[in-house]
Each structure stands twice: as C-alpha cells, then as structure tokens.
Amino acid sequence: MHKREFKNRVYEELSKITKALANPHRLEIIELLAQGEFSVEQIASQTSLSVANASQHLQVLKASQLVEITRQGNFIHYRLANANVFKAWKALRELGVERIATIEKLVRDFRQSKFKFESVTIDELIKKIESGKITILDVRPEAEFNSGHIANAVSIPIDQLPKRLKELPKRNEIITYCRGPFCVYADEAVALLNKAGYKAIRLEEGFPDWQFEGLPIEASIS
C-alpha cells in the first residue's frame, strides 16, 4: 500500500464518524444516550421524532460503531458504545460554544429571556458540597436517575416537582441538574423553586459531565 492510499483510506474511515455526527437529531440522541440505555420508542418520544426516523438515525450511529444494542427479552435498548463517544460529543459541544458565537448567544439569550439566574460549574459544586448545607436535586426522569446520578442527589423529576416541593428543605441551598448545558429541566426547576421561596441555582453541566470527571456517583438499579 502506497503512502497516499494509506492516508486516503484512514481519513475516509474517520470521515464516517464525522458524517454520522453531522446531524442535529443524532447529536441529541447521543446526549440522551449519555444518560443511560433507551429503547427506540423512548428515544423517539424524548427527541420528538417518529419511531421510524429515530430508528433510522440509530442505525446510522450503530453502523459507525458509536452506539450498541442490548437485548432485554423481546426488547432492544441502545447505549453509547463507550465513554469515548461522550468524550467526543463533549469536546464538540465545548468547541461549538467556544468558537461559534451563534451557539453561545442562543444559550445566553434563551436563559436570559426565560430564566434570569446564575449557574455553577462542577468545580464550584464540589466546593459547595465540601462546605455542606446544600441539597443536590436531580430533575431528570426517574429511569435516568436510576441508571446513574451524582452521589447523595435527591430525585424529583421536573414534571413531579410542583407537587413535591415540601420534600425539599428550605434551609439548604438547592443545586439542580439535568442532562447537560442544553437541557432546560434544571432551568425550569430553578425558576419554580425560586418562585416558591427556595434558594436554588443550576449546575451548568449535566450528570454525564460529572461522571466523565470520575466524581462520586450512585445507581439505583438493583
């Protein structure tokens, strides 16, 4: 094999991954699968896609070896192939926010128009945990919390929060988190909590980012 042929073939293989990622729906699916395993029906529901379209996108990701399947009886669930897939998504997300002004402006303008509050980074949350007197609140769906969550976090899915506010102590500062920077569950939770008289802020990143850093996590699956 000549040098030129070698390079052409290597870059062609690498381009299959970038082609698989070059779709907004597939990027959202990767972010979702970073929370745990999902069926195609669950993925379709969470991403507002038809089951047929979700299945097509999953097949592209599977063909590029970015996702894998597991079988539970008659049901098929999808998951990320390994931690490097989330690592690539995280790097792409951070590069986009840093280098593409439109993304940073979209996030900033959306939050300022709907949710006027500050957020904390993972490093800042670690310091708050060390100081005590905080409650960490996971507002993702219960199944995602069960798959994995920040150690000692309390689970109240965002759709249940209005009816379960009394379960949270008002004496503590509440740090809410969800799937990541582009997920608005935590924003909605902070707005609701602040209106109800709680002191609440959101974690800028999400559970997968916390897990990626090798920080303490727990799972509730037996």
C-alpha atoms as a PDB file:
ATOM      1  CA  MET A   1       0.000   0.000   0.000  1.00  0.00           C
ATOM      2  CA  HIS A   2       1.380   3.401  -1.003  1.00  0.00           C
ATOM      3  CA  LYS A   3       1.510   6.280   1.494  1.00  0.00           C
ATOM      4  CA  ARG A   4      -1.194   8.217  -0.337  1.00  0.00           C
ATOM      5  CA  GLU A   5      -3.542   5.241  -0.429  1.00  0.00           C
ATOM      6  CA  PHE A   6      -2.933   4.625   3.273  1.00  0.00           C
ATOM      7  CA  LYS A   7      -3.814   8.213   4.180  1.00  0.00           C
ATOM      8  CA  ASN A   8      -6.857   8.277   1.928  1.00  0.00           C
ATOM      9  CA  ARG A   9      -8.245   5.112   3.482  1.00  0.00           C
ATOM     10  CA  VAL A  10      -7.589   6.203   7.079  1.00  0.00           C
ATOM     11  CA  TYR A  11      -9.229   9.590   6.584  1.00  0.00           C
ATOM     12  CA  GLU A  12     -12.113   8.009   4.721  1.00  0.00           C
ATOM     13  CA  GLU A  13     -12.788   5.725   7.682  1.00  0.00           C
ATOM     14  CA  LEU A  14     -12.569   8.657  10.118  1.00  0.00           C
ATOM     15  CA  SER A  15     -14.964  10.660   7.963  1.00  0.00           C
ATOM     16  CA  LYS A  16     -17.642   8.020   8.560  1.00  0.00           C
ATOM     17  CA  ILE A  17     -17.753   9.104  12.187  1.00  0.00           C
ATOM     18  CA  THR A  18     -17.955  12.801  11.360  1.00  0.00           C
ATOM     19  CA  LYS A  19     -20.680  12.090   8.809  1.00  0.00           C
ATOM     20  CA  ALA A  20     -22.652  10.171  11.418  1.00  0.00           C
ATOM     21  CA  LEU A  21     -22.325  13.099  13.823  1.00  0.00           C
ATOM     22  CA  ALA A  22     -23.241  15.691  11.203  1.00  0.00           C
ATOM     23  CA  ASN A  23     -26.947  15.678  12.018  1.00  0.00           C
ATOM     24  CA  PRO A  24     -28.729  17.618  14.789  1.00  0.00           C
ATOM     25  CA  HIS A  25     -31.041  14.727  15.687  1.00  0.00           C
ATOM     26  CA  ARG A  26     -28.161  12.287  16.046  1.00  0.00           C
ATOM     27  CA  LEU A  27     -26.268  14.736  18.262  1.00  0.00           C
ATOM     28  CA  GLU A  28     -29.313  14.993  20.513  1.00  0.00           C
ATOM     29  CA  ILE A  29     -29.625  11.201  20.579  1.00  0.00           C
ATOM     30  CA  ILE A  30     -26.011  10.895  21.712  1.00  0.00           C
ATOM     31  CA  GLU A  31     -26.639  13.378  24.514  1.00  0.00           C
ATOM     32  CA  LEU A  32     -29.696  11.375  25.557  1.00  0.00           C
ATOM     33  CA  LEU A  33     -27.865   8.035  25.482  1.00  0.00           C
ATOM     34  CA  ALA A  34     -25.185   9.543  27.712  1.00  0.00           C
ATOM     35  CA  GLN A  35     -27.839   9.312  30.469  1.00  0.00           C
ATOM     36  CA  GLY A  36     -28.275   5.543  30.063  1.00  0.00           C
ATOM     37  CA  GLU A  37     -29.932   2.928  27.864  1.00  0.00           C
ATOM     38  CA  PHE A  38     -33.141   3.675  25.945  1.00  0.00           C
ATOM     39  CA  SER A  39     -35.472   1.866  23.582  1.00  0.00           C
ATOM     40  CA  VAL A  40     -36.153   3.359  20.171  1.00  0.00           C
ATOM     41  CA  GLU A  41     -39.649   4.296  21.354  1.00  0.00           C
ATOM     42  CA  GLN A  42     -38.235   6.186  24.341  1.00  0.00           C
ATOM     43  CA  ILE A  43     -35.689   7.936  22.152  1.00  0.00           C
ATOM     44  CA  ALA A  44     -38.391   8.941  19.690  1.00  0.00           C
ATOM     45  CA  SER A  45     -40.521  10.366  22.489  1.00  0.00           C
ATOM     46  CA  GLN A  46     -37.664  12.320  24.073  1.00  0.00           C
ATOM     47  CA  THR A  47     -36.451  13.801  20.774  1.00  0.00           C
ATOM     48  CA  SER A  48     -39.878  14.479  19.182  1.00  0.00           C
ATOM     49  CA  LEU A  49     -39.094  12.139  16.290  1.00  0.00           C
ATOM     50  CA  SER A  50     -41.232   9.415  14.808  1.00  0.00           C
ATOM     51  CA  VAL A  51     -40.180   5.914  15.767  1.00  0.00           C
ATOM     52  CA  ALA A  52     -39.216   5.274  12.144  1.00  0.00           C
ATOM     53  CA  ASN A  53     -36.973   8.355  11.965  1.00  0.00           C
ATOM     54  CA  ALA A  54     -35.401   7.639  15.343  1.00  0.00           C
ATOM     55  CA  SER A  55     -34.673   4.092  14.195  1.00  0.00           C
ATOM     56  CA  GLN A  56     -33.011   5.351  11.016  1.00  0.00           C
ATOM     57  CA  HIS A  57     -30.757   7.714  12.957  1.00  0.00           C
ATOM     58  CA  LEU A  58     -29.848   4.940  15.390  1.00  0.00           C
ATOM     59  CA  GLN A  59     -28.893   2.654  12.541  1.00  0.00           C
ATOM     60  CA  VAL A  60     -26.513   5.309  11.202  1.00  0.00           C
ATOM     61  CA  LEU A  61     -24.927   5.680  14.634  1.00  0.00           C
ATOM     62  CA  LYS A  62     -24.727   1.907  15.029  1.00  0.00           C
ATOM     63  CA  ALA A  63     -23.120   1.469  11.599  1.00  0.00           C
ATOM     64  CA  SER A  64     -20.462   3.982  12.651  1.00  0.00           C
ATOM     65  CA  GLN A  65     -19.951   1.996  15.883  1.00  0.00           C
ATOM     66  CA  LEU A  66     -20.991   4.942  18.051  1.00  0.00           C
ATOM     67  CA  VAL A  67     -23.879   3.081  19.678  1.00  0.00           C
ATOM     68  CA  GLU A  68     -24.510  -0.542  20.604  1.00  0.00           C
ATOM     69  CA  ILE A  69     -27.612  -2.553  21.343  1.00  0.00           C
ATOM     70  CA  THR A  70     -28.545  -4.718  24.293  1.00  0.00           C
ATOM     71  CA  ARG A  71     -31.432  -7.162  24.389  1.00  0.00           C
ATOM     72  CA  GLN A  72     -33.757  -7.473  27.359  1.00  0.00           C
ATOM     73  CA  GLY A  73     -36.175 -10.251  26.492  1.00  0.00           C
ATOM     74  CA  ASN A  74     -38.047  -9.114  23.384  1.00  0.00           C
ATOM     75  CA  PHE A  75     -36.902  -5.519  23.804  1.00  0.00           C
ATOM     76  CA  ILE A  76     -33.872  -3.845  22.242  1.00  0.00           C
ATOM     77  CA  HIS A  77     -32.170  -0.965  24.024  1.00  0.00           C
ATOM     78  CA  TYR A  78     -29.494   1.356  22.699  1.00  0.00           C
ATOM     79  CA  ARG A  79     -26.475   2.723  24.544  1.00  0.00           C
ATOM     80  CA  LEU A  80     -23.273   4.589  23.719  1.00  0.00           C
ATOM     81  CA  ALA A  81     -20.510   2.263  22.543  1.00  0.00           C
ATOM     82  CA  ASN A  82     -18.113   3.545  25.213  1.00  0.00           C
ATOM     83  CA  ALA A  83     -17.062   6.623  27.176  1.00  0.00           C
ATOM     84  CA  ASN A  84     -15.081   7.976  24.229  1.00  0.00           C
ATOM     85  CA  VAL A  85     -18.313   8.665  22.358  1.00  0.00           C
ATOM     86  CA  PHE A  86     -19.467  11.028  25.084  1.00  0.00           C
ATOM     87  CA  LYS A  87     -15.930  12.446  25.251  1.00  0.00           C
ATOM     88  CA  ALA A  88     -16.150  13.310  21.538  1.00  0.00           C
ATOM     89  CA  TRP A  89     -19.636  14.819  21.968  1.00  0.00           C
ATOM     90  CA  LYS A  90     -18.462  16.860  24.970  1.00  0.00           C
ATOM     91  CA  ALA A  91     -15.449  18.155  23.027  1.00  0.00           C
ATOM     92  CA  LEU A  92     -17.663  19.073  20.068  1.00  0.00           C
ATOM     93  CA  ARG A  93     -20.158  20.816  22.366  1.00  0.00           C
ATOM     94  CA  GLU A  94     -17.450  22.820  24.100  1.00  0.00           C
ATOM     95  CA  LEU A  95     -15.741  23.701  20.815  1.00  0.00           C
ATOM     96  CA  GLY A  96     -19.071  24.876  19.413  1.00  0.00           C
ATOM     97  CA  VAL A  97     -19.847  27.081  22.416  1.00  0.00           C
ATOM     98  CA  GLU A  98     -16.316  28.494  22.344  1.00  0.00           C
ATOM     99  CA  ARG A  99     -15.880  29.072  18.613  1.00  0.00           C
ATOM    100  CA  ILE A 100     -19.393  29.512  17.201  1.00  0.00           C
ATOM    101  CA  ALA A 101     -20.808  32.750  18.539  1.00  0.00           C
ATOM    102  CA  THR A 102     -24.328  31.819  17.495  1.00  0.00           C
ATOM    103  CA  ILE A 103     -24.426  28.860  19.904  1.00  0.00           C
ATOM    104  CA  GLU A 104     -23.198  30.881  22.874  1.00  0.00           C
ATOM    105  CA  LYS A 105     -25.692  33.638  22.027  1.00  0.00           C
ATOM    106  CA  LEU A 106     -28.573  31.172  21.655  1.00  0.00           C
ATOM    107  CA  VAL A 107     -27.924  29.678  25.085  1.00  0.00           C
ATOM    108  CA  ARG A 108     -27.433  33.072  26.721  1.00  0.00           C
ATOM    109  CA  ASP A 109     -30.465  34.711  25.103  1.00  0.00           C
ATOM    110  CA  PHE A 110     -32.748  31.752  25.844  1.00  0.00           C
ATOM    111  CA  ARG A 111     -31.832  31.725  29.517  1.00  0.00           C
ATOM    112  CA  GLN A 112     -31.999  35.479  29.907  1.00  0.00           C
ATOM    113  CA  SER A 113     -35.418  35.639  28.278  1.00  0.00           C
ATOM    114  CA  LYS A 114     -36.916  32.843  30.372  1.00  0.00           C
ATOM    115  CA  PHE A 115     -34.722  32.147  33.395  1.00  0.00           C
ATOM    116  CA  LYS A 116     -32.844  35.041  34.989  1.00  0.00           C
ATOM    117  CA  PHE A 117     -30.403  33.338  37.352  1.00  0.00           C
ATOM    118  CA  GLU A 118     -26.813  32.202  37.666  1.00  0.00           C
ATOM    119  CA  SER A 119     -25.355  28.724  37.354  1.00  0.00           C
ATOM    120  CA  VAL A 120     -22.443  26.910  38.983  1.00  0.00           C
ATOM    121  CA  THR A 121     -19.746  24.776  37.408  1.00  0.00           C
ATOM    122  CA  ILE A 122     -18.743  21.312  38.542  1.00  0.00           C
ATOM    123  CA  ASP A 123     -15.706  22.731  40.349  1.00  0.00           C
ATOM    124  CA  GLU A 124     -17.912  25.228  42.181  1.00  0.00           C
ATOM    125  CA  LEU A 125     -20.365  22.486  43.131  1.00  0.00           C
ATOM    126  CA  ILE A 126     -17.550  20.409  44.624  1.00  0.00           C
ATOM    127  CA  LYS A 127     -16.641  23.354  46.871  1.00  0.00           C
ATOM    128  CA  LYS A 128     -20.281  23.767  47.911  1.00  0.00           C
ATOM    129  CA  ILE A 129     -20.502  20.069  48.779  1.00  0.00           C
ATOM    130  CA  GLU A 130     -17.423  20.411  50.968  1.00  0.00           C
ATOM    131  CA  SER A 131     -18.978  23.367  52.780  1.00  0.00           C
ATOM    132  CA  GLY A 132     -22.238  21.458  53.402  1.00  0.00           C
ATOM    133  CA  LYS A 133     -25.800  22.776  53.734  1.00  0.00           C
ATOM    134  CA  ILE A 134     -26.803  22.100  50.144  1.00  0.00           C
ATOM    135  CA  THR A 135     -29.295  19.742  48.546  1.00  0.00           C
ATOM    136  CA  ILE A 136     -28.422  18.309  45.135  1.00  0.00           C
ATOM    137  CA  LEU A 137     -31.586  17.813  43.097  1.00  0.00           C
ATOM    138  CA  ASP A 138     -31.765  15.604  40.003  1.00  0.00           C
ATOM    139  CA  VAL A 139     -34.762  16.617  37.890  1.00  0.00           C
ATOM    140  CA  ARG A 140     -34.282  14.136  35.041  1.00  0.00           C
ATOM    141  CA  PRO A 141     -36.830  11.334  34.525  1.00  0.00           C
ATOM    142  CA  GLU A 142     -36.663   8.661  37.221  1.00  0.00           C
ATOM    143  CA  ALA A 143     -35.248   5.994  34.875  1.00  0.00           C
ATOM    144  CA  GLU A 144     -32.257   8.205  34.104  1.00  0.00           C
ATOM    145  CA  PHE A 145     -31.673   8.860  37.805  1.00  0.00           C
ATOM    146  CA  ASN A 146     -31.802   5.119  38.472  1.00  0.00           C
ATOM    147  CA  SER A 147     -29.201   4.465  35.766  1.00  0.00           C
ATOM    148  CA  GLY A 148     -26.775   6.786  37.496  1.00  0.00           C
ATOM    149  CA  HIS A 149     -26.713  10.044  39.430  1.00  0.00           C
ATOM    150  CA  ILE A 150     -24.495  12.333  41.474  1.00  0.00           C
ATOM    151  CA  ALA A 151     -23.829  10.749  44.853  1.00  0.00           C
ATOM    152  CA  ASN A 152     -26.382  11.748  47.508  1.00  0.00           C
ATOM    153  CA  ALA A 153     -28.604  13.520  44.991  1.00  0.00           C
ATOM    154  CA  VAL A 154     -32.367  13.595  45.516  1.00  0.00           C
ATOM    155  CA  SER A 155     -34.608  12.586  42.626  1.00  0.00           C
ATOM    156  CA  ILE A 156     -37.704  14.622  41.822  1.00  0.00           C
ATOM    157  CA  PRO A 157     -38.465  14.599  38.070  1.00  0.00           C
ATOM    158  CA  ILE A 158     -39.355  18.025  36.744  1.00  0.00           C
ATOM    159  CA  ASP A 159     -42.964  17.032  35.991  1.00  0.00           C
ATOM    160  CA  GLN A 160     -43.432  15.991  39.658  1.00  0.00           C
ATOM    161  CA  LEU A 161     -41.662  18.928  41.255  1.00  0.00           C
ATOM    162  CA  PRO A 162     -44.668  21.277  41.672  1.00  0.00           C
ATOM    163  CA  LYS A 163     -46.439  18.698  43.864  1.00  0.00           C
ATOM    164  CA  ARG A 164     -43.363  17.612  45.815  1.00  0.00           C
ATOM    165  CA  LEU A 165     -41.782  20.916  46.828  1.00  0.00           C
ATOM    166  CA  LYS A 166     -42.355  20.210  50.522  1.00  0.00           C
ATOM    167  CA  GLU A 167     -39.911  17.303  50.328  1.00  0.00           C
ATOM    168  CA  LEU A 168     -37.072  19.809  49.959  1.00  0.00           C
ATOM    169  CA  PRO A 169     -35.621  21.685  52.957  1.00  0.00           C
ATOM    170  CA  LYS A 170     -35.790  25.460  52.656  1.00  0.00           C
ATOM    171  CA  ARG A 171     -32.792  25.873  54.951  1.00  0.00           C
ATOM    172  CA  ASN A 172     -30.460  24.445  52.291  1.00  0.00           C
ATOM    173  CA  GLU A 173     -29.340  25.922  49.001  1.00  0.00           C
ATOM    174  CA  ILE A 174     -30.616  23.652  46.235  1.00  0.00           C
ATOM    175  CA  ILE A 175     -28.407  22.813  43.260  1.00  0.00           C
ATOM    176  CA  THR A 176     -30.423  21.340  40.403  1.00  0.00           C
ATOM    177  CA  TYR A 177     -29.010  19.420  37.485  1.00  0.00           C
ATOM    178  CA  CYS A 178     -30.221  17.524  34.446  1.00  0.00           C
ATOM    179  CA  ARG A 179     -28.685  16.175  31.238  1.00  0.00           C
ATOM    180  CA  GLY A 180     -26.302  18.972  30.325  1.00  0.00           C
ATOM    181  CA  PRO A 181     -25.949  22.618  29.280  1.00  0.00           C
ATOM    182  CA  PHE A 182     -28.574  22.343  26.540  1.00  0.00           C
ATOM    183  CA  CYS A 183     -31.149  20.660  28.792  1.00  0.00           C
ATOM    184  CA  VAL A 184     -33.717  23.049  30.308  1.00  0.00           C
ATOM    185  CA  TYR A 185     -35.176  20.789  33.021  1.00  0.00           C
ATOM    186  CA  ALA A 186     -32.803  22.329  35.570  1.00  0.00           C
ATOM    187  CA  ASP A 187     -33.675  25.866  34.425  1.00  0.00           C
ATOM    188  CA  GLU A 188     -37.377  25.157  34.853  1.00  0.00           C
ATOM    189  CA  ALA A 189     -36.741  23.679  38.291  1.00  0.00           C
ATOM    190  CA  VAL A 190     -34.752  26.687  39.489  1.00  0.00           C
ATOM    191  CA  ALA A 191     -37.444  29.082  38.278  1.00  0.00           C
ATOM    192  CA  LEU A 192     -40.115  27.091  40.120  1.00  0.00           C
ATOM    193  CA  LEU A 193     -38.072  26.757  43.298  1.00  0.00           C
ATOM    194  CA  ASN A 194     -37.100  30.416  43.453  1.00  0.00           C
ATOM    195  CA  LYS A 195     -40.725  31.439  42.978  1.00  0.00           C
ATOM    196  CA  ALA A 196     -41.683  29.170  45.885  1.00  0.00           C
ATOM    197  CA  GLY A 197     -39.165  30.844  48.188  1.00  0.00           C
ATOM    198  CA  TYR A 198     -36.253  28.414  47.892  1.00  0.00           C
ATOM    199  CA  LYS A 199     -32.686  29.447  47.159  1.00  0.00           C
ATOM    200  CA  ALA A 200     -31.840  27.456  44.043  1.00  0.00           C
ATOM    201  CA  ILE A 201     -29.280  27.515  41.226  1.00  0.00           C
ATOM    202  CA  ARG A 202     -28.481  25.072  38.447  1.00  0.00           C
ATOM    203  CA  LEU A 203     -25.383  23.084  37.638  1.00  0.00           C
ATOM    204  CA  GLU A 204     -24.078  24.328  34.297  1.00  0.00           C
ATOM    205  CA  GLU A 205     -23.070  20.859  33.165  1.00  0.00           C
ATOM    206  CA  GLY A 206     -25.026  17.602  33.468  1.00  0.00           C
ATOM    207  CA  PHE A 207     -24.706  14.186  35.040  1.00  0.00           C
ATOM    208  CA  PRO A 208     -22.605  12.713  32.186  1.00  0.00           C
ATOM    209  CA  ASP A 209     -20.051  15.515  32.636  1.00  0.00           C
ATOM    210  CA  TRP A 210     -19.859  14.785  36.370  1.00  0.00           C
ATOM    211  CA  GLN A 211     -19.419  11.072  35.667  1.00  0.00           C
ATOM    212  CA  PHE A 212     -16.809  11.794  32.983  1.00  0.00           C
ATOM    213  CA  GLU A 213     -14.705  13.623  35.583  1.00  0.00           C
ATOM    214  CA  GLY A 214     -14.631  10.468  37.712  1.00  0.00           C
ATOM    215  CA  LEU A 215     -16.535  12.123  40.562  1.00  0.00           C
ATOM    216  CA  PRO A 216     -18.699  10.139  43.030  1.00  0.00           C
ATOM    217  CA  ILE A 217     -21.851   8.644  41.518  1.00  0.00           C
ATOM    218  CA  GLU A 218     -24.509   6.157  42.549  1.00  0.00           C
ATOM    219  CA  ALA A 219     -27.023   3.963  40.731  1.00  0.00           C
ATOM    220  CA  SER A 220     -30.417   2.796  41.934  1.00  0.00           C
ATOM    221  CA  ILE A 221     -30.822  -0.263  39.693  1.00  0.00           C
ATOM    222  CA  SER A 222     -30.987  -3.500  41.658  1.00  0.00           C
END
